[in-house]
N, C-alpha and C. Protein backbone atom coordinates (compact mmCIF):
# COMPACT_ATOMS: atom_id res chain seq x y z
N MET A 1 44.22 26.06 -1.76
CA MET A 1 45.07 27.19 -2.34
C MET A 1 45.49 26.96 -3.81
N LEU A 2 45.78 25.87 -4.11
CA LEU A 2 46.52 25.56 -5.55
C LEU A 2 45.57 24.92 -6.17
N LYS A 3 44.41 24.70 -5.89
CA LYS A 3 43.50 23.78 -6.54
C LYS A 3 43.42 24.05 -8.07
N ASN A 4 43.57 25.23 -8.60
CA ASN A 4 43.29 25.54 -9.88
C ASN A 4 44.63 25.22 -10.89
N VAL A 5 45.84 25.05 -10.15
CA VAL A 5 46.93 24.90 -10.87
C VAL A 5 46.79 23.53 -11.84
N HIS A 6 46.93 23.58 -12.87
CA HIS A 6 47.07 22.36 -13.79
C HIS A 6 48.33 22.33 -14.64
N ARG A 7 48.94 23.37 -14.93
CA ARG A 7 50.15 23.47 -16.08
C ARG A 7 51.15 24.20 -15.07
N VAL A 8 52.42 23.47 -14.92
CA VAL A 8 53.65 24.19 -14.58
C VAL A 8 54.70 23.93 -15.57
N ASP A 9 55.82 24.37 -15.02
CA ASP A 9 57.35 24.57 -15.78
C ASP A 9 57.20 25.54 -16.92
N ALA A 10 58.21 25.62 -17.81
CA ALA A 10 58.07 26.48 -18.82
C ALA A 10 56.71 26.35 -19.85
N PHE A 11 56.64 25.34 -20.01
CA PHE A 11 55.65 24.91 -21.00
C PHE A 11 54.13 25.58 -20.64
N GLY A 12 54.08 25.31 -19.39
CA GLY A 12 53.01 25.69 -18.72
C GLY A 12 52.58 27.40 -18.73
N HIS A 13 53.78 27.97 -19.25
CA HIS A 13 53.84 29.59 -19.23
C HIS A 13 53.28 29.78 -20.53
N VAL A 14 53.58 28.93 -21.75
CA VAL A 14 53.56 29.48 -23.09
C VAL A 14 52.50 28.56 -23.70
N CYS A 15 51.92 27.42 -23.23
CA CYS A 15 51.56 26.45 -24.05
C CYS A 15 49.80 26.77 -23.65
N THR A 16 48.92 26.46 -24.56
CA THR A 16 47.56 26.12 -24.53
C THR A 16 47.35 24.88 -23.70
N ASP A 17 46.09 24.62 -23.13
CA ASP A 17 45.95 23.14 -22.43
C ASP A 17 45.81 22.36 -23.61
N GLU A 18 45.62 22.43 -24.86
CA GLU A 18 45.72 21.54 -25.79
C GLU A 18 46.82 21.44 -26.42
N GLU A 19 47.77 22.41 -26.62
CA GLU A 19 49.59 22.39 -26.70
C GLU A 19 49.95 21.26 -25.78
N MET A 20 49.59 21.58 -24.41
CA MET A 20 50.32 20.72 -23.35
C MET A 20 50.09 19.27 -23.41
N GLU A 21 48.46 19.08 -24.00
CA GLU A 21 48.03 17.66 -23.96
C GLU A 21 48.98 16.84 -25.09
N VAL A 22 49.31 17.45 -26.32
CA VAL A 22 49.81 17.25 -27.41
C VAL A 22 51.14 17.01 -26.87
N PHE A 23 51.97 17.69 -26.36
CA PHE A 23 53.40 17.75 -25.90
C PHE A 23 53.43 16.31 -24.67
N GLY A 24 52.29 16.31 -24.19
CA GLY A 24 52.48 15.36 -23.10
C GLY A 24 52.42 13.69 -23.64
N ARG A 25 51.32 13.86 -24.80
CA ARG A 25 51.28 12.35 -24.94
C ARG A 25 52.72 11.93 -25.90
N ALA A 26 53.24 12.75 -26.41
CA ALA A 26 54.50 12.84 -26.97
C ALA A 26 55.68 12.46 -26.58
N GLY A 27 55.39 12.69 -25.10
CA GLY A 27 56.52 12.42 -24.30
C GLY A 27 57.48 13.68 -24.19
N ALA A 28 56.95 14.76 -24.41
CA ALA A 28 58.06 16.05 -24.33
C ALA A 28 57.89 16.41 -23.19
N ILE A 29 57.09 16.17 -22.16
CA ILE A 29 56.59 17.10 -20.81
C ILE A 29 56.73 15.87 -19.61
N ASP A 30 57.34 15.92 -18.93
CA ASP A 30 57.49 14.99 -17.86
C ASP A 30 56.36 15.38 -17.04
N ALA A 31 55.52 14.18 -16.73
CA ALA A 31 54.33 14.13 -16.07
C ALA A 31 54.22 14.47 -14.77
N ASN A 32 55.69 14.33 -13.95
CA ASN A 32 55.69 14.44 -12.60
C ASN A 32 56.61 16.04 -12.47
N PRO A 33 56.09 17.16 -12.29
CA PRO A 33 56.97 18.52 -12.03
C PRO A 33 57.78 18.33 -10.80
N ILE A 34 57.46 17.55 -9.77
CA ILE A 34 58.07 17.66 -8.58
C ILE A 34 59.59 16.70 -8.88
N ARG A 35 59.40 15.70 -9.63
CA ARG A 35 60.61 14.94 -10.30
C ARG A 35 61.46 16.26 -10.81
N GLY A 36 60.92 16.78 -11.89
CA GLY A 36 61.51 17.66 -12.61
C GLY A 36 62.62 18.70 -11.68
N ALA A 37 61.64 19.29 -10.54
CA ALA A 37 62.43 20.20 -9.75
C ALA A 37 63.69 19.53 -8.69
N GLU A 38 63.14 18.37 -8.57
CA GLU A 38 64.26 17.53 -7.93
C GLU A 38 65.63 17.67 -8.54
N ASP A 39 65.32 16.92 -9.80
CA ASP A 39 66.45 16.85 -10.66
C ASP A 39 67.28 18.20 -10.71
N VAL A 40 66.63 19.22 -10.88
CA VAL A 40 67.08 20.56 -11.20
C VAL A 40 68.01 20.55 -9.97
N LEU A 41 67.62 20.71 -8.56
CA LEU A 41 68.05 20.73 -7.65
C LEU A 41 69.49 19.63 -7.25
N LEU A 42 69.34 18.35 -8.03
CA LEU A 42 70.54 17.43 -7.68
C LEU A 42 71.48 18.23 -8.79
N VAL A 43 71.08 18.56 -9.91
CA VAL A 43 72.19 19.33 -10.92
C VAL A 43 73.09 20.20 -10.46
N GLU A 44 72.23 21.24 -9.58
CA GLU A 44 72.91 22.31 -9.10
C GLU A 44 74.07 21.88 -7.88
N ARG A 45 73.56 20.88 -7.27
CA ARG A 45 74.50 20.33 -6.08
C ARG A 45 75.60 19.76 -6.78
N ILE A 46 75.43 18.94 -7.73
CA ILE A 46 76.54 18.22 -8.52
C ILE A 46 77.39 19.20 -8.99
N LYS A 47 76.78 20.41 -9.70
CA LYS A 47 77.90 21.57 -10.13
C LYS A 47 78.59 22.23 -9.14
N GLU A 48 77.93 22.17 -7.72
CA GLU A 48 78.81 23.03 -6.63
C GLU A 48 80.00 22.01 -6.26
N MET A 49 79.58 20.94 -6.00
CA MET A 49 80.81 19.68 -5.90
C MET A 49 81.77 19.70 -6.77
N LEU A 50 81.67 19.91 -8.01
CA LEU A 50 82.62 19.89 -8.99
C LEU A 50 83.44 21.08 -8.87
N LEU A 51 82.67 21.99 -8.92
CA LEU A 51 83.76 23.44 -8.83
C LEU A 51 84.22 23.65 -7.37
N GLU A 52 84.18 22.85 -6.30
CA GLU A 52 84.99 23.15 -5.20
C GLU A 52 86.38 22.59 -5.39
C-alpha cells in the first residue's frame, strides 16, 4: 500500500529527492520518522501534564 513512500515530514512535502539527500547527509533530517512522531506525541503529553 505505501511501497512508494520515501519522503515524510515537512521536508518531504517541499524538498526534492536531491535536497532531501543533502539535508540528510548534513544531519538536518532525522532518519527515523517514527521516532520523530513519537517525540511529538511525548511533547504534547508533557504539555498537557504541565498545564493541569
